[in-house]
Amino acid sequence: MESGLESMLNDERSEIIKRCILRLPEQEAVIITLYYFEEQSVKEIAQVMKIGEDNVKVKLFRSRKLLFTFLENYINQEKLGEQWKSGLEKNC
């Protein structure tokens, strides 16, 4: 069973991921959403998007790489913010 803190952290992670997905090009954001949140297969996504299955796979791969970059940047900004706060506390 999840504690309140774990639930809050999971909600925060989900919100961050959703914001990063919104930064993707529209078609890629739709494909990622269909695949991971709607749990549709590559074949189903290809039919809905009217593109080939190989194209869906390529877009998933590229979108994952881009999402990783967005998330990595977010994490690095968080770390810098924590370092800044830590430095501020030491100096005050």
C-alpha atoms as a PDB file:
ATOM      1  CA  MET A   1       0.000   0.000   0.000  1.00  0.00           C
ATOM      2  CA  GLU A   2       1.260   3.466  -0.931  1.00  0.00           C
ATOM      3  CA  SER A   3       1.953   6.039   1.744  1.00  0.00           C
ATOM      4  CA  GLY A   4       0.776   9.613   1.312  1.00  0.00           C
ATOM      5  CA  LEU A   5       4.308  10.710   0.438  1.00  0.00           C
ATOM      6  CA  GLU A   6       4.751   7.971  -2.193  1.00  0.00           C
ATOM      7  CA  SER A   7       1.407   8.871  -3.715  1.00  0.00           C
ATOM      8  CA  MET A   8       2.347  12.556  -3.851  1.00  0.00           C
ATOM      9  CA  LEU A   9       5.714  11.752  -5.462  1.00  0.00           C
ATOM     10  CA  ASN A  10       4.060   9.492  -8.050  1.00  0.00           C
ATOM     11  CA  ASP A  11       1.545  12.229  -8.861  1.00  0.00           C
ATOM     12  CA  GLU A  12       4.364  14.745  -9.231  1.00  0.00           C
ATOM     13  CA  ARG A  13       6.330  12.398 -11.518  1.00  0.00           C
ATOM     14  CA  SER A  14       3.245  11.816 -13.650  1.00  0.00           C
ATOM     15  CA  GLU A  15       2.673  15.556 -13.973  1.00  0.00           C
ATOM     16  CA  ILE A  16       6.296  16.147 -15.002  1.00  0.00           C
ATOM     17  CA  ILE A  17       6.105  13.381 -17.617  1.00  0.00           C
ATOM     18  CA  LYS A  18       2.831  14.762 -18.995  1.00  0.00           C
ATOM     19  CA  ARG A  19       4.357  18.248 -19.281  1.00  0.00           C
ATOM     20  CA  CYS A  20       7.333  16.781 -21.141  1.00  0.00           C
ATOM     21  CA  ILE A  21       5.009  14.873 -23.483  1.00  0.00           C
ATOM     22  CA  LEU A  22       3.248  18.153 -24.295  1.00  0.00           C
ATOM     23  CA  ARG A  23       6.595  19.525 -25.481  1.00  0.00           C
ATOM     24  CA  LEU A  24       6.816  16.820 -28.162  1.00  0.00           C
ATOM     25  CA  PRO A  25       5.569  17.473 -31.686  1.00  0.00           C
ATOM     26  CA  GLU A  26       1.810  16.806 -31.781  1.00  0.00           C
ATOM     27  CA  GLN A  27       1.920  13.521 -33.683  1.00  0.00           C
ATOM     28  CA  GLU A  28       4.647  12.102 -31.441  1.00  0.00           C
ATOM     29  CA  ALA A  29       2.768  13.179 -28.310  1.00  0.00           C
ATOM     30  CA  VAL A  30      -0.330  11.381 -29.557  1.00  0.00           C
ATOM     31  CA  ILE A  31       1.641   8.220 -30.346  1.00  0.00           C
ATOM     32  CA  ILE A  32       3.316   8.187 -26.920  1.00  0.00           C
ATOM     33  CA  THR A  33      -0.035   8.763 -25.217  1.00  0.00           C
ATOM     34  CA  LEU A  34      -1.748   6.012 -27.173  1.00  0.00           C
ATOM     35  CA  TYR A  35       1.065   3.545 -26.574  1.00  0.00           C
ATOM     36  CA  TYR A  36       1.786   4.145 -22.894  1.00  0.00           C
ATOM     37  CA  PHE A  37      -1.407   5.571 -21.435  1.00  0.00           C
ATOM     38  CA  GLU A  38      -4.057   3.986 -23.657  1.00  0.00           C
ATOM     39  CA  GLU A  39      -2.013   0.773 -23.999  1.00  0.00           C
ATOM     40  CA  GLN A  40      -2.651   0.453 -27.728  1.00  0.00           C
ATOM     41  CA  SER A  41      -0.451  -1.756 -29.860  1.00  0.00           C
ATOM     42  CA  VAL A  42       1.817  -0.471 -32.616  1.00  0.00           C
ATOM     43  CA  LYS A  43      -0.623  -1.972 -35.138  1.00  0.00           C
ATOM     44  CA  GLU A  44      -3.606  -0.171 -33.580  1.00  0.00           C
ATOM     45  CA  ILE A  45      -1.724   3.130 -33.479  1.00  0.00           C
ATOM     46  CA  ALA A  46      -0.719   2.734 -37.126  1.00  0.00           C
ATOM     47  CA  GLN A  47      -4.357   2.253 -38.074  1.00  0.00           C
ATOM     48  CA  VAL A  48      -5.567   5.231 -36.032  1.00  0.00           C
ATOM     49  CA  MET A  49      -2.793   7.538 -37.241  1.00  0.00           C
ATOM     50  CA  LYS A  50      -2.955   6.222 -40.815  1.00  0.00           C
ATOM     51  CA  ILE A  51       0.794   5.599 -40.942  1.00  0.00           C
ATOM     52  CA  GLY A  52       2.860   2.431 -41.262  1.00  0.00           C
ATOM     53  CA  GLU A  53       3.798   0.284 -38.279  1.00  0.00           C
ATOM     54  CA  ASP A  54       7.496   0.868 -38.956  1.00  0.00           C
ATOM     55  CA  ASN A  55       6.833   4.602 -38.884  1.00  0.00           C
ATOM     56  CA  VAL A  56       5.117   4.244 -35.493  1.00  0.00           C
ATOM     57  CA  LYS A  57       8.135   2.331 -34.170  1.00  0.00           C
ATOM     58  CA  VAL A  58      10.545   4.998 -35.426  1.00  0.00           C
ATOM     59  CA  LYS A  59       8.437   7.780 -33.910  1.00  0.00           C
ATOM     60  CA  LEU A  60       8.235   5.916 -30.591  1.00  0.00           C
ATOM     61  CA  PHE A  61      12.011   5.490 -30.556  1.00  0.00           C
ATOM     62  CA  ARG A  62      12.693   9.143 -31.383  1.00  0.00           C
ATOM     63  CA  SER A  63      10.052  10.370 -28.959  1.00  0.00           C
ATOM     64  CA  ARG A  64      11.501   8.300 -26.131  1.00  0.00           C
ATOM     65  CA  LYS A  65      14.941   9.785 -26.799  1.00  0.00           C
ATOM     66  CA  LEU A  66      13.517  13.308 -26.825  1.00  0.00           C
ATOM     67  CA  LEU A  67      11.489  12.655 -23.663  1.00  0.00           C
ATOM     68  CA  PHE A  68      14.609  11.346 -21.966  1.00  0.00           C
ATOM     69  CA  THR A  69      16.404  14.582 -22.884  1.00  0.00           C
ATOM     70  CA  PHE A  70      13.507  16.709 -21.558  1.00  0.00           C
ATOM     71  CA  LEU A  71      13.404  14.712 -18.317  1.00  0.00           C
ATOM     72  CA  GLU A  72      17.173  14.793 -17.951  1.00  0.00           C
ATOM     73  CA  ASN A  73      17.130  18.589 -18.346  1.00  0.00           C
ATOM     74  CA  TYR A  74      14.349  18.833 -15.777  1.00  0.00           C
ATOM     75  CA  ILE A  75      16.283  16.700 -13.289  1.00  0.00           C
ATOM     76  CA  ASN A  76      19.449  18.739 -13.842  1.00  0.00           C
ATOM     77  CA  GLN A  77      17.514  21.969 -13.228  1.00  0.00           C
ATOM     78  CA  GLU A  78      16.106  20.472 -10.023  1.00  0.00           C
ATOM     79  CA  LYS A  79      19.616  19.539  -8.868  1.00  0.00           C
ATOM     80  CA  LEU A  80      20.892  23.037  -9.624  1.00  0.00           C
ATOM     81  CA  GLY A  81      17.976  24.484  -7.680  1.00  0.00           C
ATOM     82  CA  GLU A  82      18.760  22.260  -4.698  1.00  0.00           C
ATOM     83  CA  GLN A  83      22.446  23.226  -4.857  1.00  0.00           C
ATOM     84  CA  TRP A  84      21.484  26.888  -5.019  1.00  0.00           C
ATOM     85  CA  LYS A  85      19.156  26.530  -2.003  1.00  0.00           C
ATOM     86  CA  SER A  86      21.834  24.616  -0.108  1.00  0.00           C
ATOM     87  CA  GLY A  87      24.410  27.322  -0.863  1.00  0.00           C
ATOM     88  CA  LEU A  88      21.950  30.035   0.121  1.00  0.00           C
ATOM     89  CA  GLU A  89      21.249  28.345   3.448  1.00  0.00           C
ATOM     90  CA  LYS A  90      24.977  28.070   4.188  1.00  0.00           C
ATOM     91  CA  ASN A  91      25.537  31.742   3.382  1.00  0.00           C
ATOM     92  CA  CYS A  92      22.574  33.110   5.334  1.00  0.00           C
END
